[in-house]
Amino acid sequence: MLMEYVHAALLLHRLGKEVNEGTIKKIVEAAGVKPDEIRIKALVTALGEVNIEEALKSAAAASFAPPPAAPTAPAAAKEEKKVEEEKKEEEALAGLSSLFG
């Protein structure tokens, strides 16, 4: 139910209107919802400490940020193959050193 109030605040901000208890109440009423004065007051109080424009920008940036890269299967297989080759080389060198040593 709180989303109606948040949407009203965003609409007011987008239109360049003042976001206050009276304007939010009018929009909620126009949408056919009985306004809850306590929720409206709490929202306006919370929004008083928020720069809505900056919050929207940071939310948009977060939603478009690429997910962290995970190692791909071919890269992991390549690394495993490299480790196996190194192990074989070590075993071969150990065998050669036993001939001379």
N, C-alpha and C. Protein backbone atom coordinates (compact mmCIF):
# COMPACT_ATOMS: atom_id res chain seq x y z
N MET A 1 0.82 -1.20 0.00
CA MET A 1 0.00 0.00 0.00
C MET A 1 0.87 1.26 0.00
N LEU A 2 2.07 1.14 0.48
CA LEU A 2 2.95 2.30 0.53
C LEU A 2 3.39 2.74 -0.86
N MET A 3 3.38 1.83 -1.81
CA MET A 3 3.85 2.16 -3.16
C MET A 3 3.04 3.29 -3.79
N GLU A 4 1.77 3.38 -3.50
CA GLU A 4 0.96 4.46 -4.07
C GLU A 4 1.50 5.82 -3.65
N TYR A 5 1.95 5.91 -2.42
CA TYR A 5 2.47 7.16 -1.90
C TYR A 5 3.83 7.49 -2.52
N VAL A 6 4.65 6.46 -2.68
CA VAL A 6 5.96 6.66 -3.30
C VAL A 6 5.79 7.08 -4.75
N HIS A 7 4.87 6.41 -5.46
CA HIS A 7 4.60 6.78 -6.84
C HIS A 7 4.09 8.22 -6.95
N ALA A 8 3.26 8.60 -6.02
CA ALA A 8 2.76 9.98 -6.02
C ALA A 8 3.91 10.96 -5.83
N ALA A 9 4.82 10.64 -4.92
CA ALA A 9 5.97 11.52 -4.69
C ALA A 9 6.86 11.59 -5.93
N LEU A 10 7.07 10.46 -6.58
CA LEU A 10 7.89 10.45 -7.80
C LEU A 10 7.23 11.25 -8.92
N LEU A 11 5.92 11.13 -9.03
CA LEU A 11 5.19 11.89 -10.05
C LEU A 11 5.32 13.39 -9.79
N LEU A 12 5.13 13.78 -8.55
CA LEU A 12 5.27 15.19 -8.20
C LEU A 12 6.67 15.70 -8.51
N HIS A 13 7.66 14.91 -8.15
CA HIS A 13 9.05 15.30 -8.43
C HIS A 13 9.28 15.45 -9.92
N ARG A 14 8.80 14.49 -10.69
CA ARG A 14 8.97 14.51 -12.15
C ARG A 14 8.32 15.74 -12.79
N LEU A 15 7.19 16.15 -12.24
CA LEU A 15 6.48 17.31 -12.76
C LEU A 15 7.02 18.64 -12.22
N GLY A 16 7.99 18.54 -11.33
CA GLY A 16 8.58 19.77 -10.76
C GLY A 16 7.72 20.40 -9.69
N LYS A 17 6.79 19.64 -9.15
CA LYS A 17 5.91 20.16 -8.10
C LYS A 17 6.52 19.87 -6.73
N GLU A 18 6.05 20.60 -5.74
CA GLU A 18 6.52 20.39 -4.38
C GLU A 18 5.96 19.08 -3.83
N VAL A 19 6.85 18.29 -3.23
CA VAL A 19 6.44 17.03 -2.60
C VAL A 19 6.16 17.32 -1.14
N ASN A 20 4.86 17.38 -0.80
CA ASN A 20 4.46 17.63 0.59
C ASN A 20 3.21 16.81 0.89
N GLU A 21 2.77 16.86 2.11
CA GLU A 21 1.63 16.05 2.53
C GLU A 21 0.38 16.36 1.71
N GLY A 22 0.12 17.62 1.47
CA GLY A 22 -1.09 18.01 0.74
C GLY A 22 -1.10 17.52 -0.70
N THR A 23 0.04 17.67 -1.39
CA THR A 23 0.07 17.26 -2.79
C THR A 23 0.01 15.74 -2.94
N ILE A 24 0.69 15.03 -2.06
CA ILE A 24 0.62 13.56 -2.12
C ILE A 24 -0.80 13.10 -1.83
N LYS A 25 -1.44 13.72 -0.83
CA LYS A 25 -2.81 13.35 -0.49
C LYS A 25 -3.75 13.55 -1.68
N LYS A 26 -3.60 14.66 -2.39
CA LYS A 26 -4.46 14.92 -3.56
C LYS A 26 -4.29 13.86 -4.64
N ILE A 27 -3.05 13.47 -4.90
CA ILE A 27 -2.81 12.46 -5.94
C ILE A 27 -3.38 11.11 -5.53
N VAL A 28 -3.17 10.74 -4.29
CA VAL A 28 -3.68 9.44 -3.81
C VAL A 28 -5.21 9.43 -3.87
N GLU A 29 -5.83 10.51 -3.47
CA GLU A 29 -7.29 10.60 -3.55
C GLU A 29 -7.76 10.53 -5.00
N ALA A 30 -7.05 11.21 -5.89
CA ALA A 30 -7.43 11.20 -7.31
C ALA A 30 -7.31 9.79 -7.91
N ALA A 31 -6.44 8.98 -7.33
CA ALA A 31 -6.27 7.60 -7.80
C ALA A 31 -7.35 6.68 -7.23
N GLY A 32 -8.20 7.22 -6.37
CA GLY A 32 -9.29 6.42 -5.82
C GLY A 32 -8.94 5.66 -4.56
N VAL A 33 -7.86 6.07 -3.90
CA VAL A 33 -7.42 5.41 -2.67
C VAL A 33 -7.65 6.36 -1.50
N LYS A 34 -8.15 5.80 -0.41
CA LYS A 34 -8.33 6.62 0.79
C LYS A 34 -6.96 6.86 1.41
N PRO A 35 -6.53 8.12 1.50
CA PRO A 35 -5.19 8.42 2.00
C PRO A 35 -5.03 8.10 3.49
N ASP A 36 -3.86 7.59 3.82
CA ASP A 36 -3.49 7.31 5.20
C ASP A 36 -2.55 8.43 5.63
N GLU A 37 -3.06 9.31 6.48
CA GLU A 37 -2.31 10.51 6.89
C GLU A 37 -0.97 10.16 7.52
N ILE A 38 -0.93 9.08 8.29
CA ILE A 38 0.31 8.70 8.98
C ILE A 38 1.38 8.28 7.97
N ARG A 39 0.98 7.48 6.99
CA ARG A 39 1.94 7.05 5.96
C ARG A 39 2.43 8.24 5.14
N ILE A 40 1.53 9.13 4.82
CA ILE A 40 1.92 10.30 4.04
C ILE A 40 2.93 11.13 4.82
N LYS A 41 2.63 11.36 6.09
CA LYS A 41 3.53 12.16 6.93
C LYS A 41 4.89 11.47 7.05
N ALA A 42 4.91 10.15 7.25
CA ALA A 42 6.17 9.41 7.37
C ALA A 42 6.98 9.49 6.08
N LEU A 43 6.30 9.38 4.94
CA LEU A 43 6.99 9.45 3.65
C LEU A 43 7.59 10.83 3.43
N VAL A 44 6.81 11.87 3.68
CA VAL A 44 7.30 13.24 3.48
C VAL A 44 8.48 13.51 4.41
N THR A 45 8.42 13.03 5.63
CA THR A 45 9.52 13.21 6.58
C THR A 45 10.77 12.49 6.07
N ALA A 46 10.60 11.25 5.61
CA ALA A 46 11.74 10.48 5.10
C ALA A 46 12.33 11.12 3.85
N LEU A 47 11.47 11.62 2.97
CA LEU A 47 11.95 12.23 1.73
C LEU A 47 12.62 13.58 1.97
N GLY A 48 12.34 14.19 3.12
CA GLY A 48 12.97 15.47 3.45
C GLY A 48 14.48 15.35 3.56
N GLU A 49 14.97 14.16 3.85
CA GLU A 49 16.40 13.92 4.01
C GLU A 49 17.03 13.32 2.75
N VAL A 50 16.24 13.15 1.68
CA VAL A 50 16.72 12.46 0.48
C VAL A 50 16.74 13.42 -0.70
N ASN A 51 17.80 13.36 -1.47
CA ASN A 51 17.86 14.07 -2.74
C ASN A 51 17.29 13.09 -3.77
N ILE A 52 16.05 13.29 -4.16
CA ILE A 52 15.35 12.34 -5.03
C ILE A 52 16.08 12.16 -6.35
N GLU A 53 16.59 13.22 -6.92
CA GLU A 53 17.29 13.13 -8.21
C GLU A 53 18.52 12.24 -8.11
N GLU A 54 19.30 12.42 -7.05
CA GLU A 54 20.50 11.60 -6.86
C GLU A 54 20.12 10.14 -6.58
N ALA A 55 19.05 9.92 -5.81
CA ALA A 55 18.61 8.55 -5.53
C ALA A 55 18.17 7.85 -6.81
N LEU A 56 17.49 8.56 -7.69
CA LEU A 56 17.07 7.97 -8.96
C LEU A 56 18.28 7.65 -9.83
N LYS A 57 19.26 8.54 -9.86
CA LYS A 57 20.46 8.30 -10.66
C LYS A 57 21.23 7.09 -10.15
N SER A 58 21.40 6.98 -8.85
CA SER A 58 22.15 5.85 -8.30
C SER A 58 21.39 4.54 -8.47
N ALA A 59 20.06 4.60 -8.41
CA ALA A 59 19.27 3.38 -8.63
C ALA A 59 19.37 2.95 -10.07
N ALA A 60 19.36 3.89 -10.99
CA ALA A 60 19.49 3.55 -12.42
C ALA A 60 20.86 2.99 -12.71
N ALA A 61 21.89 3.56 -12.12
CA ALA A 61 23.25 3.07 -12.35
C ALA A 61 23.41 1.66 -11.80
N ALA A 62 22.82 1.40 -10.65
CA ALA A 62 22.92 0.07 -10.06
C ALA A 62 22.18 -0.97 -10.88
N SER A 63 21.08 -0.59 -11.48
CA SER A 63 20.31 -1.57 -12.25
C SER A 63 20.97 -1.90 -13.58
N PHE A 64 21.84 -1.01 -14.09
CA PHE A 64 22.51 -1.25 -15.36
C PHE A 64 23.94 -1.75 -15.18
N ALA A 65 24.40 -1.88 -13.96
CA ALA A 65 25.76 -2.35 -13.73
C ALA A 65 25.86 -3.83 -14.11
N PRO A 66 26.92 -4.21 -14.81
CA PRO A 66 27.06 -5.61 -15.18
C PRO A 66 27.36 -6.46 -13.96
N PRO A 67 26.92 -7.70 -13.97
CA PRO A 67 27.20 -8.57 -12.83
C PRO A 67 28.69 -8.88 -12.77
N PRO A 68 29.20 -9.22 -11.60
CA PRO A 68 30.62 -9.54 -11.50
C PRO A 68 30.95 -10.74 -12.38
N ALA A 69 32.11 -10.69 -12.99
CA ALA A 69 32.51 -11.76 -13.90
C ALA A 69 32.88 -13.02 -13.12
N ALA A 70 32.34 -14.13 -13.56
CA ALA A 70 32.66 -15.42 -12.98
C ALA A 70 33.63 -16.12 -13.92
N PRO A 71 34.51 -16.95 -13.38
CA PRO A 71 35.42 -17.65 -14.26
C PRO A 71 34.64 -18.54 -15.22
N THR A 72 35.05 -18.51 -16.45
CA THR A 72 34.35 -19.31 -17.46
C THR A 72 34.88 -20.73 -17.43
N ALA A 73 34.09 -21.65 -17.91
CA ALA A 73 34.48 -23.05 -17.94
C ALA A 73 35.74 -23.27 -18.78
N PRO A 74 35.85 -22.66 -19.97
CA PRO A 74 37.09 -22.86 -20.74
C PRO A 74 38.33 -22.35 -20.01
N ALA A 75 38.22 -21.23 -19.31
CA ALA A 75 39.37 -20.70 -18.58
C ALA A 75 39.75 -21.63 -17.44
N ALA A 76 38.77 -22.16 -16.75
CA ALA A 76 39.05 -23.08 -15.65
C ALA A 76 39.67 -24.37 -16.18
N ALA A 77 39.18 -24.87 -17.30
CA ALA A 77 39.72 -26.08 -17.90
C ALA A 77 41.16 -25.85 -18.36
N LYS A 78 41.43 -24.67 -18.91
CA LYS A 78 42.76 -24.33 -19.37
C LYS A 78 43.75 -24.30 -18.20
N GLU A 79 43.31 -23.71 -17.09
CA GLU A 79 44.16 -23.64 -15.90
C GLU A 79 44.44 -25.04 -15.36
N GLU A 80 43.42 -25.89 -15.35
CA GLU A 80 43.59 -27.27 -14.86
C GLU A 80 44.57 -28.04 -15.76
N LYS A 81 44.46 -27.84 -17.05
CA LYS A 81 45.35 -28.52 -17.99
C LYS A 81 46.79 -28.06 -17.78
N LYS A 82 46.97 -26.77 -17.52
CA LYS A 82 48.30 -26.23 -17.28
C LYS A 82 48.92 -26.86 -16.04
N VAL A 83 48.14 -27.02 -14.99
CA VAL A 83 48.62 -27.62 -13.75
C VAL A 83 49.03 -29.07 -14.00
N GLU A 84 48.23 -29.80 -14.77
CA GLU A 84 48.55 -31.20 -15.08
C GLU A 84 49.84 -31.31 -15.88
N GLU A 85 50.04 -30.40 -16.84
CA GLU A 85 51.26 -30.42 -17.64
C GLU A 85 52.49 -30.14 -16.79
N GLU A 86 52.37 -29.21 -15.86
CA GLU A 86 53.48 -28.89 -14.97
C GLU A 86 53.82 -30.09 -14.09
N LYS A 87 52.78 -30.79 -13.65
CA LYS A 87 52.99 -31.97 -12.80
C LYS A 87 53.72 -33.06 -13.59
N LYS A 88 53.33 -33.26 -14.84
CA LYS A 88 53.98 -34.27 -15.69
C LYS A 88 55.44 -33.90 -15.94
N GLU A 89 55.72 -32.61 -16.16
CA GLU A 89 57.09 -32.17 -16.37
C GLU A 89 57.94 -32.43 -15.13
N GLU A 90 57.40 -32.18 -13.97
CA GLU A 90 58.12 -32.41 -12.72
C GLU A 90 58.43 -33.90 -12.55
N GLU A 91 57.43 -34.74 -12.88
CA GLU A 91 57.63 -36.19 -12.77
C GLU A 91 58.70 -36.65 -13.76
N ALA A 92 58.68 -36.11 -14.97
CA ALA A 92 59.67 -36.48 -15.97
C ALA A 92 61.06 -36.06 -15.53
N LEU A 93 61.19 -34.85 -14.98
CA LEU A 93 62.49 -34.37 -14.50
C LEU A 93 62.97 -35.21 -13.34
N ALA A 94 62.09 -35.66 -12.48
CA ALA A 94 62.46 -36.50 -11.35
C ALA A 94 62.99 -37.83 -11.86
N GLY A 95 62.33 -38.36 -12.91
CA GLY A 95 62.81 -39.63 -13.49
C GLY A 95 64.18 -39.47 -14.12
N LEU A 96 64.43 -38.39 -14.82
CA LEU A 96 65.73 -38.14 -15.43
C LEU A 96 66.82 -37.96 -14.38
N SER A 97 66.50 -37.27 -13.31
CA SER A 97 67.50 -37.03 -12.28
C SER A 97 67.87 -38.33 -11.58
N SER A 98 66.98 -39.31 -11.53
CA SER A 98 67.30 -40.58 -10.90
C SER A 98 68.29 -41.37 -11.76
N LEU A 99 68.29 -41.12 -13.07
CA LEU A 99 69.26 -41.80 -13.94
C LEU A 99 70.68 -41.32 -13.69
N PHE A 100 70.80 -40.03 -13.32
CA PHE A 100 72.13 -39.44 -13.13
C PHE A 100 72.53 -39.32 -11.66
N GLY A 101 71.69 -39.81 -10.84
CA GLY A 101 71.96 -39.61 -9.60
C GLY A 101 72.15 -39.78 -8.30
